[in-house]
């Protein structure tokens, strides 16, 4: 069974690129172009992981997605994908387990996703 990941980003090129990379590496991928769309998908489907951009509708949109993911009974792993790594510690306090910095090469991205899925499963 393929592991399901929800990717949230308001930039279509990033969504499509990440979706293609992850699907080529055995993941089932859903996408959302806004925090609102992501919250709807989180409530209607189950995901092993949620990767969200930080700045979409507003500068805190990524945190809205993370909080919605943490509220789900199925407890997905959570990561923030950002081009602005100077978020400080806020991302951890909001419940994200990992900070992925754009741009990132494919190998690094896949290693970080696999590592997060393993450590998240160990914590469950």
C-alpha atoms as a PDB file:
ATOM      1  CA  UNK A   1       0.000   0.000   0.000  1.00  0.00           C
ATOM      2  CA  UNK A   2       1.382   3.396  -0.989  1.00  0.00           C
ATOM      3  CA  UNK A   3       1.953   6.004   1.692  1.00  0.00           C
ATOM      4  CA  UNK A   4      -0.266   9.056   1.210  1.00  0.00           C
ATOM      5  CA  UNK A   5       1.148  12.564   1.407  1.00  0.00           C
ATOM      6  CA  UNK A   6      -0.716  15.869   1.220  1.00  0.00           C
ATOM      7  CA  UNK A   7       1.352  18.685  -0.299  1.00  0.00           C
ATOM      8  CA  UNK A   8       0.112  22.237   0.222  1.00  0.00           C
ATOM      9  CA  UNK A   9       1.542  25.166  -1.748  1.00  0.00           C
ATOM     10  CA  UNK A  10       0.033  28.097  -3.610  1.00  0.00           C
ATOM     11  CA  UNK A  11       2.651  27.880  -6.377  1.00  0.00           C
ATOM     12  CA  UNK A  12       1.406  25.438  -9.015  1.00  0.00           C
ATOM     13  CA  UNK A  13       4.902  24.717 -10.362  1.00  0.00           C
ATOM     14  CA  UNK A  14       6.098  23.603  -6.920  1.00  0.00           C
ATOM     15  CA  UNK A  15       2.982  21.480  -6.332  1.00  0.00           C
ATOM     16  CA  UNK A  16       3.329  19.690  -9.658  1.00  0.00           C
ATOM     17  CA  UNK A  17       7.087  19.178  -9.295  1.00  0.00           C
ATOM     18  CA  UNK A  18       6.834  17.746  -5.779  1.00  0.00           C
ATOM     19  CA  UNK A  19       3.865  15.585  -6.766  1.00  0.00           C
ATOM     20  CA  UNK A  20       5.798  14.118  -9.721  1.00  0.00           C
ATOM     21  CA  UNK A  21       8.947  13.477  -7.660  1.00  0.00           C
ATOM     22  CA  UNK A  22       7.072  11.786  -4.835  1.00  0.00           C
ATOM     23  CA  UNK A  23       4.859   9.695  -7.121  1.00  0.00           C
ATOM     24  CA  UNK A  24       7.948   8.476  -9.022  1.00  0.00           C
ATOM     25  CA  UNK A  25       9.299   7.350  -5.645  1.00  0.00           C
ATOM     26  CA  UNK A  26       6.266   5.316  -4.623  1.00  0.00           C
ATOM     27  CA  UNK A  27       4.076   7.789  -2.743  1.00  0.00           C
ATOM     28  CA  UNK A  28       0.411   8.534  -3.368  1.00  0.00           C
ATOM     29  CA  UNK A  29       0.118  12.324  -3.455  1.00  0.00           C
ATOM     30  CA  UNK A  30      -2.799  14.718  -3.006  1.00  0.00           C
ATOM     31  CA  UNK A  31      -2.305  18.446  -3.482  1.00  0.00           C
ATOM     32  CA  UNK A  32      -3.955  21.574  -2.145  1.00  0.00           C
ATOM     33  CA  UNK A  33      -3.337  25.141  -3.322  1.00  0.00           C
ATOM     34  CA  UNK A  34      -4.505  26.869  -0.120  1.00  0.00           C
ATOM     35  CA  UNK A  35      -4.777  26.330   3.616  1.00  0.00           C
ATOM     36  CA  UNK A  36      -8.573  26.181   3.301  1.00  0.00           C
ATOM     37  CA  UNK A  37      -8.407  23.426   0.672  1.00  0.00           C
ATOM     38  CA  UNK A  38      -5.852  21.530   2.768  1.00  0.00           C
ATOM     39  CA  UNK A  39      -8.059  21.608   5.868  1.00  0.00           C
ATOM     40  CA  UNK A  40     -10.972  20.202   3.837  1.00  0.00           C
ATOM     41  CA  UNK A  41      -8.793  17.364   2.528  1.00  0.00           C
ATOM     42  CA  UNK A  42      -7.365  16.626   5.980  1.00  0.00           C
ATOM     43  CA  UNK A  43     -10.897  16.212   7.326  1.00  0.00           C
ATOM     44  CA  UNK A  44     -12.128  14.004   4.475  1.00  0.00           C
ATOM     45  CA  UNK A  45      -9.105  11.717   3.872  1.00  0.00           C
ATOM     46  CA  UNK A  46      -6.215  10.156   5.778  1.00  0.00           C
ATOM     47  CA  UNK A  47      -2.569  10.979   5.125  1.00  0.00           C
ATOM     48  CA  UNK A  48       0.703   9.640   6.540  1.00  0.00           C
ATOM     49  CA  UNK A  49       2.311  13.044   6.080  1.00  0.00           C
ATOM     50  CA  UNK A  50       1.447  16.672   5.394  1.00  0.00           C
ATOM     51  CA  UNK A  51       3.999  19.012   3.803  1.00  0.00           C
ATOM     52  CA  UNK A  52       2.868  22.621   3.674  1.00  0.00           C
ATOM     53  CA  UNK A  53       4.258  25.884   2.408  1.00  0.00           C
ATOM     54  CA  UNK A  54       4.344  28.560   5.085  1.00  0.00           C
ATOM     55  CA  UNK A  55       3.222  31.667   3.225  1.00  0.00           C
ATOM     56  CA  UNK A  56       0.091  31.266   1.131  1.00  0.00           C
ATOM     57  CA  UNK A  57      -3.091  33.254   1.805  1.00  0.00           C
ATOM     58  CA  UNK A  58      -1.191  34.965   4.614  1.00  0.00           C
ATOM     59  CA  UNK A  59       2.136  34.598   6.435  1.00  0.00           C
ATOM     60  CA  UNK A  60       0.651  32.130   8.947  1.00  0.00           C
ATOM     61  CA  UNK A  61      -1.239  29.851   6.520  1.00  0.00           C
ATOM     62  CA  UNK A  62       1.224  27.008   6.980  1.00  0.00           C
ATOM     63  CA  UNK A  63       0.612  27.011  10.721  1.00  0.00           C
ATOM     64  CA  UNK A  64      -3.145  26.760  10.072  1.00  0.00           C
ATOM     65  CA  UNK A  65      -2.517  23.619   8.037  1.00  0.00           C
ATOM     66  CA  UNK A  66      -0.201  22.158  10.698  1.00  0.00           C
ATOM     67  CA  UNK A  67      -2.758  22.795  13.466  1.00  0.00           C
ATOM     68  CA  UNK A  68      -5.505  21.165  11.378  1.00  0.00           C
ATOM     69  CA  UNK A  69      -3.272  18.141  10.721  1.00  0.00           C
ATOM     70  CA  UNK A  70      -2.426  17.781  14.421  1.00  0.00           C
ATOM     71  CA  UNK A  71      -6.154  17.829  15.239  1.00  0.00           C
ATOM     72  CA  UNK A  72      -6.805  14.712  13.129  1.00  0.00           C
ATOM     73  CA  UNK A  73      -7.194  11.413  14.979  1.00  0.00           C
ATOM     74  CA  UNK A  74      -4.959   9.658  12.440  1.00  0.00           C
ATOM     75  CA  UNK A  75      -2.037  11.950  13.466  1.00  0.00           C
ATOM     76  CA  UNK A  76      -0.018  12.528  10.266  1.00  0.00           C
ATOM     77  CA  UNK A  77       3.649  13.514  10.260  1.00  0.00           C
ATOM     78  CA  UNK A  78       3.977  17.252   9.585  1.00  0.00           C
ATOM     79  CA  UNK A  79       6.574  19.387   7.813  1.00  0.00           C
ATOM     80  CA  UNK A  80       6.781  23.002   6.705  1.00  0.00           C
ATOM     81  CA  UNK A  81       8.314  23.713   3.304  1.00  0.00           C
ATOM     82  CA  UNK A  82       9.610  27.265   3.054  1.00  0.00           C
ATOM     83  CA  UNK A  83      11.998  29.533   1.216  1.00  0.00           C
ATOM     84  CA  UNK A  84      12.228  31.593   4.439  1.00  0.00           C
ATOM     85  CA  UNK A  85      14.080  29.406   6.978  1.00  0.00           C
ATOM     86  CA  UNK A  86      14.314  32.238   9.514  1.00  0.00           C
ATOM     87  CA  UNK A  87      11.041  31.104  11.141  1.00  0.00           C
ATOM     88  CA  UNK A  88      12.862  30.622  14.429  1.00  0.00           C
ATOM     89  CA  UNK A  89      11.328  28.086  16.807  1.00  0.00           C
ATOM     90  CA  UNK A  90       7.711  28.968  16.010  1.00  0.00           C
ATOM     91  CA  UNK A  91       7.357  26.095  13.567  1.00  0.00           C
ATOM     92  CA  UNK A  92       8.085  23.528  16.300  1.00  0.00           C
ATOM     93  CA  UNK A  93       5.787  25.236  18.786  1.00  0.00           C
ATOM     94  CA  UNK A  94       2.977  25.095  16.204  1.00  0.00           C
ATOM     95  CA  UNK A  95       3.394  21.318  15.912  1.00  0.00           C
ATOM     96  CA  UNK A  96       5.519  20.861  12.790  1.00  0.00           C
ATOM     97  CA  UNK A  97       8.052  18.070  13.091  1.00  0.00           C
ATOM     98  CA  UNK A  98      10.399  19.173  10.324  1.00  0.00           C
ATOM     99  CA  UNK A  99      11.423  22.275   8.395  1.00  0.00           C
ATOM    100  CA  UNK A 100      12.224  21.691   4.715  1.00  0.00           C
ATOM    101  CA  UNK A 101      13.985  24.615   3.010  1.00  0.00           C
ATOM    102  CA  UNK A 102      13.374  25.412  -0.681  1.00  0.00           C
ATOM    103  CA  UNK A 103      15.070  24.920  -3.012  1.00  0.00           C
ATOM    104  CA  UNK A 104      16.178  21.397  -2.153  1.00  0.00           C
ATOM    105  CA  UNK A 105      17.611  18.656  -4.306  1.00  0.00           C
ATOM    106  CA  UNK A 106      15.509  15.547  -4.836  1.00  0.00           C
ATOM    107  CA  UNK A 107      17.778  13.189  -2.901  1.00  0.00           C
ATOM    108  CA  UNK A 108      17.814  15.404   0.187  1.00  0.00           C
ATOM    109  CA  UNK A 109      14.045  15.854   0.042  1.00  0.00           C
ATOM    110  CA  UNK A 110      13.387  12.119  -0.148  1.00  0.00           C
ATOM    111  CA  UNK A 111      15.854  11.358   2.662  1.00  0.00           C
ATOM    112  CA  UNK A 112      14.247  13.953   4.933  1.00  0.00           C
ATOM    113  CA  UNK A 113      10.732  12.696   4.180  1.00  0.00           C
ATOM    114  CA  UNK A 114      11.707   9.064   4.839  1.00  0.00           C
ATOM    115  CA  UNK A 115      13.503  10.017   8.071  1.00  0.00           C
ATOM    116  CA  UNK A 116      10.505  11.999   9.304  1.00  0.00           C
ATOM    117  CA  UNK A 117       8.086   9.174   8.512  1.00  0.00           C
ATOM    118  CA  UNK A 118      10.267   6.721  10.460  1.00  0.00           C
ATOM    119  CA  UNK A 119      10.722   8.952  13.520  1.00  0.00           C
ATOM    120  CA  UNK A 120       7.039   9.920  13.494  1.00  0.00           C
ATOM    121  CA  UNK A 121       5.983   6.252  13.387  1.00  0.00           C
ATOM    122  CA  UNK A 122       8.363   5.470  16.258  1.00  0.00           C
ATOM    123  CA  UNK A 123       6.686   8.184  18.381  1.00  0.00           C
ATOM    124  CA  UNK A 124       3.156   6.851  17.790  1.00  0.00           C
END
